[in-house]
Amino acid sequence: CPSPMTSWPAGEEMSAGTEVSGETTNMIDVATISAQDHQQIELAQQAVDFARTMLTAERAVILDVETVSLLGPVCEIAVIDAASAALLLDTLVNPGVDMDPQAYAVHGITDAQVRARGVPSFAEVFPRLQAVAEGRTVLAYNADYDRDTVWADCRRYGLFDRWLMNAGNWADVMVMRSQHRYTTRLLRNGGGHRAADDVAETRRHLLEMTELVPWPPPAHL
């Protein structure tokens, strides 16, 4: 699902040419471009600033869920530390309902896998999710979907967490990646639709976003 444009707090932007970790952003001659192009470059720089901030230590985690249907319960969840890539949570989840064949065709998770002995329910996984997300920005690729899915399972089990249930603590990498690529198209993540693979791929996108793409953008973007 398309996500709304993500805004970034004033005062945390860095101008082109700002030194970060001994490197500098690409320099662009703003005098030679149109107002529309200038706006695209500003949005791309916001994406660079966003990525650099999210990759600082203890700032953010990256979350992904797989579900039994398009809007169904969680059947797998993974969370990594954005800065270090440390795996904080990776588990199948017993959704208590049958797997939709279309969902199985996407992620390949079977009913037998999620119903196997020892696979926890979302309610059993939730305390672990709370522990790794507390105080961190929760990043996701198409964050509206992952956030709304988590919230739906919280309602289903009567769970609540003040941090996770605050939309302001979530941020979408997909929209920022599009800004970074000078496009309004929503780009696919490409992680393979298993939760651990998808969070790793999302982090790879963040790492690529730490430097401004030269203007005009290469044709392959």
Protein backbone atom coordinates (compact mmCIF):
# COMPACT_ATOMS: atom_id res chain seq x y z
CA CYS A 1 0.00 0.00 0.00
CA PRO A 2 1.36 3.46 -0.82
CA SER A 3 2.56 5.31 2.26
CA PRO A 4 2.12 9.03 2.96
CA MET A 5 5.13 11.27 2.47
CA THR A 6 7.35 11.06 5.52
CA SER A 7 8.37 14.35 7.07
CA TRP A 8 11.60 14.88 9.02
CA PRO A 9 11.97 17.20 12.01
CA ALA A 10 13.42 20.61 11.30
CA GLY A 11 16.90 21.16 12.66
CA GLU A 12 18.20 17.67 11.81
CA GLU A 13 18.84 18.25 8.11
CA MET A 14 22.39 18.45 6.74
CA SER A 15 23.20 20.53 3.68
CA ALA A 16 24.97 19.05 0.65
CA GLY A 17 28.68 18.90 1.31
CA THR A 18 28.34 18.27 5.05
CA GLU A 19 31.15 16.00 6.26
CA VAL A 20 30.01 12.72 7.80
CA SER A 21 32.45 10.01 8.86
CA GLY A 22 35.21 11.54 6.75
CA GLU A 23 33.10 11.60 3.59
CA THR A 24 31.06 14.31 1.91
CA THR A 25 27.83 14.30 -0.04
CA ASN A 26 27.89 14.88 -3.77
CA MET A 27 27.94 18.56 -4.67
CA ILE A 28 25.23 19.87 -7.00
CA ASP A 29 25.27 23.20 -8.79
CA VAL A 30 21.79 24.43 -7.85
CA ALA A 31 22.15 27.45 -10.15
CA THR A 32 21.86 25.22 -13.22
CA ILE A 33 18.61 23.39 -12.37
CA SER A 34 14.90 24.16 -12.45
CA ALA A 35 12.74 24.83 -9.40
CA GLN A 36 11.11 21.40 -9.79
CA ASP A 37 14.47 19.69 -10.01
CA HIS A 38 15.66 21.66 -7.00
CA GLN A 39 12.69 20.34 -5.00
CA GLN A 40 13.57 16.76 -5.98
CA ILE A 41 17.15 17.30 -4.86
CA GLU A 42 15.99 18.73 -1.52
CA LEU A 43 13.78 15.67 -0.98
CA ALA A 44 16.71 13.41 -1.84
CA GLN A 45 18.89 15.24 0.69
CA GLN A 46 16.17 14.75 3.33
CA ALA A 47 16.37 11.02 2.58
CA VAL A 48 20.14 11.09 3.05
CA ASP A 49 19.78 12.87 6.38
CA PHE A 50 17.07 10.42 7.43
CA ALA A 51 19.20 7.37 6.59
CA ARG A 52 22.29 8.71 8.36
CA THR A 53 20.27 9.50 11.47
CA MET A 54 18.47 6.14 11.54
CA LEU A 55 21.79 4.30 11.24
CA THR A 56 23.28 5.91 14.35
CA ALA A 57 23.71 3.68 17.37
CA GLU A 58 20.60 2.89 19.42
CA ARG A 59 18.38 5.13 17.28
CA ALA A 60 16.21 2.67 15.33
CA VAL A 61 15.17 -0.89 14.67
CA ILE A 62 13.93 -2.36 11.39
CA LEU A 63 10.82 -4.55 11.51
CA ASP A 64 9.05 -6.77 9.00
CA VAL A 65 6.03 -9.02 9.32
CA GLU A 66 4.61 -11.71 7.07
CA THR A 67 0.89 -12.39 7.26
CA VAL A 68 -1.63 -15.14 6.56
CA SER A 69 -3.49 -12.89 4.10
CA LEU A 70 -3.31 -9.35 2.76
CA LEU A 71 -4.79 -7.90 5.95
CA GLY A 72 -4.57 -10.99 8.12
CA PRO A 73 -2.74 -11.91 11.33
CA VAL A 74 1.04 -12.08 11.63
CA CYS A 75 2.65 -15.44 10.80
CA GLU A 76 6.29 -14.32 10.99
CA ILE A 77 8.14 -11.33 12.45
CA ALA A 78 11.74 -10.17 12.43
CA VAL A 79 13.48 -7.13 13.95
CA ILE A 80 17.10 -6.03 13.57
CA ASP A 81 19.11 -3.18 15.03
CA ALA A 82 19.42 -0.58 12.27
CA ALA A 83 22.95 0.51 13.20
CA SER A 84 24.60 -2.87 13.71
CA ALA A 85 22.29 -5.27 11.82
CA ALA A 86 22.14 -7.43 14.98
CA LEU A 87 19.17 -9.79 14.83
CA LEU A 88 16.90 -8.93 17.77
CA LEU A 89 13.83 -11.01 16.96
CA ASP A 90 13.13 -13.64 14.32
CA THR A 91 10.31 -16.11 14.75
CA LEU A 92 7.37 -17.76 13.09
CA VAL A 93 4.08 -16.86 14.75
CA ASN A 94 1.08 -19.14 15.15
CA PRO A 95 -1.79 -17.01 13.83
CA GLY A 96 -4.55 -19.38 14.91
CA VAL A 97 -6.17 -19.22 11.44
CA ASP A 98 -5.57 -20.90 8.10
CA MET A 99 -3.00 -19.59 5.64
CA ASP A 100 -4.47 -17.94 2.56
CA PRO A 101 -3.14 -19.67 -0.59
CA GLN A 102 -2.22 -16.31 -2.13
CA ALA A 103 -0.16 -15.40 0.94
CA TYR A 104 1.56 -18.79 0.84
CA ALA A 105 2.43 -18.15 -2.82
CA VAL A 106 4.23 -14.96 -1.76
CA HIS A 107 6.20 -16.04 1.32
CA GLY A 108 6.05 -19.85 1.23
CA ILE A 109 5.12 -20.26 4.91
CA THR A 110 2.83 -23.24 5.49
CA ASP A 111 0.12 -24.01 8.03
CA ALA A 112 2.23 -26.92 9.24
CA GLN A 113 5.16 -24.61 9.96
CA VAL A 114 3.22 -22.09 12.03
CA ARG A 115 1.23 -24.78 13.86
CA ALA A 116 4.30 -26.79 14.79
CA ARG A 117 4.96 -27.45 18.45
CA GLY A 118 6.66 -24.53 20.15
CA VAL A 119 5.69 -21.83 17.64
CA PRO A 120 4.45 -18.91 19.76
CA SER A 121 1.29 -16.87 19.29
CA PHE A 122 1.54 -13.13 18.71
CA ALA A 123 0.58 -12.57 22.35
CA GLU A 124 3.56 -14.68 23.41
CA VAL A 125 5.93 -12.85 21.05
CA PHE A 126 4.68 -9.39 22.00
CA PRO A 127 6.80 -8.90 25.17
CA ARG A 128 9.92 -9.60 23.11
CA LEU A 129 8.80 -7.07 20.50
CA GLN A 130 8.17 -4.50 23.21
CA ALA A 131 11.63 -5.02 24.65
CA VAL A 132 13.52 -4.52 21.38
CA ALA A 133 11.42 -1.59 20.12
CA GLU A 134 11.14 0.51 23.28
CA GLY A 135 12.59 3.97 22.77
CA ARG A 136 13.63 3.30 19.16
CA THR A 137 12.18 4.52 15.90
CA VAL A 138 10.52 1.50 14.29
CA LEU A 139 11.45 1.42 10.61
CA ALA A 140 9.71 -0.70 8.01
CA TYR A 141 9.46 -0.88 4.25
CA ASN A 142 5.90 0.31 3.60
CA ALA A 143 5.56 1.02 7.30
CA ASP A 144 1.80 1.65 7.16
CA TYR A 145 1.21 -2.01 6.37
CA ASP A 146 3.51 -3.45 9.05
CA ARG A 147 2.34 -0.98 11.69
CA ASP A 148 -1.35 -1.56 10.98
CA THR A 149 -0.81 -5.34 11.00
CA VAL A 150 0.93 -5.19 14.38
CA TRP A 151 -1.81 -2.95 15.74
CA ALA A 152 -4.53 -5.30 14.44
CA ASP A 153 -2.96 -8.26 16.24
CA CYS A 154 -2.64 -6.14 19.39
CA ARG A 155 -6.37 -5.44 19.24
CA ARG A 156 -7.05 -9.10 18.53
CA TYR A 157 -5.27 -10.17 21.72
CA GLY A 158 -6.14 -7.17 23.87
CA LEU A 159 -2.53 -5.94 24.00
CA PHE A 160 -1.25 -2.39 24.34
CA ASP A 161 2.12 -0.68 24.31
CA ARG A 162 2.42 3.11 24.49
CA TRP A 163 5.51 3.17 22.24
CA LEU A 164 4.44 0.74 19.53
CA MET A 165 0.91 2.11 19.43
CA ASN A 166 2.15 5.65 18.70
CA ALA A 167 2.31 6.23 14.93
CA GLY A 168 4.91 8.95 15.50
CA ASN A 169 7.42 6.28 16.55
CA TRP A 170 7.24 4.53 13.17
CA ALA A 171 8.93 5.65 9.93
CA ASP A 172 8.73 4.44 6.35
CA VAL A 173 11.91 3.57 4.46
CA MET A 174 10.06 2.99 1.18
CA VAL A 175 8.99 6.60 0.71
CA MET A 176 12.41 7.92 1.67
CA ARG A 177 14.06 5.52 -0.78
CA SER A 178 11.86 6.88 -3.58
CA GLN A 179 12.86 10.42 -2.62
CA HIS A 180 16.51 9.38 -2.64
CA ARG A 181 16.09 8.00 -6.18
CA TYR A 182 14.41 11.24 -7.42
CA THR A 183 11.14 9.46 -8.15
CA THR A 184 7.55 9.40 -6.97
CA ARG A 185 7.28 5.69 -7.80
CA LEU A 186 7.09 3.39 -4.81
CA LEU A 187 9.97 0.94 -5.29
CA ARG A 188 9.81 -2.73 -4.33
CA ASN A 189 11.94 -3.87 -1.42
CA GLY A 190 13.20 -7.01 -3.13
CA GLY A 191 13.92 -8.97 0.03
CA GLY A 192 12.21 -12.23 -0.88
CA HIS A 193 9.18 -11.98 1.45
CA ARG A 194 10.61 -13.71 4.49
CA ALA A 195 10.80 -11.40 7.49
CA ALA A 196 14.53 -11.74 8.27
CA ASP A 197 15.48 -11.34 4.61
CA ASP A 198 13.25 -8.30 4.21
CA VAL A 199 14.68 -6.42 7.21
CA ALA A 200 18.20 -7.11 5.95
CA GLU A 201 17.27 -5.78 2.51
CA THR A 202 15.67 -2.68 4.04
CA ARG A 203 18.91 -1.98 5.90
CA ARG A 204 20.86 -2.32 2.65
CA HIS A 205 18.63 0.35 1.15
CA LEU A 206 19.31 2.61 4.14
CA LEU A 207 23.06 2.17 3.70
CA GLU A 208 22.76 3.11 0.01
CA MET A 209 20.77 6.19 1.00
CA THR A 210 23.58 7.70 3.10
CA GLU A 211 25.08 9.40 0.03
CA LEU A 212 23.30 11.70 -2.40
CA VAL A 213 22.91 10.29 -5.91
CA PRO A 214 24.52 12.62 -8.50
CA TRP A 215 22.23 14.93 -10.47
CA PRO A 216 20.98 14.32 -13.08
CA PRO A 217 20.23 10.79 -11.87
CA PRO A 218 21.61 7.85 -13.88
CA ALA A 219 19.14 6.35 -16.33
CA HIS A 220 19.07 2.98 -14.51
CA LEU A 221 17.45 4.59 -11.44
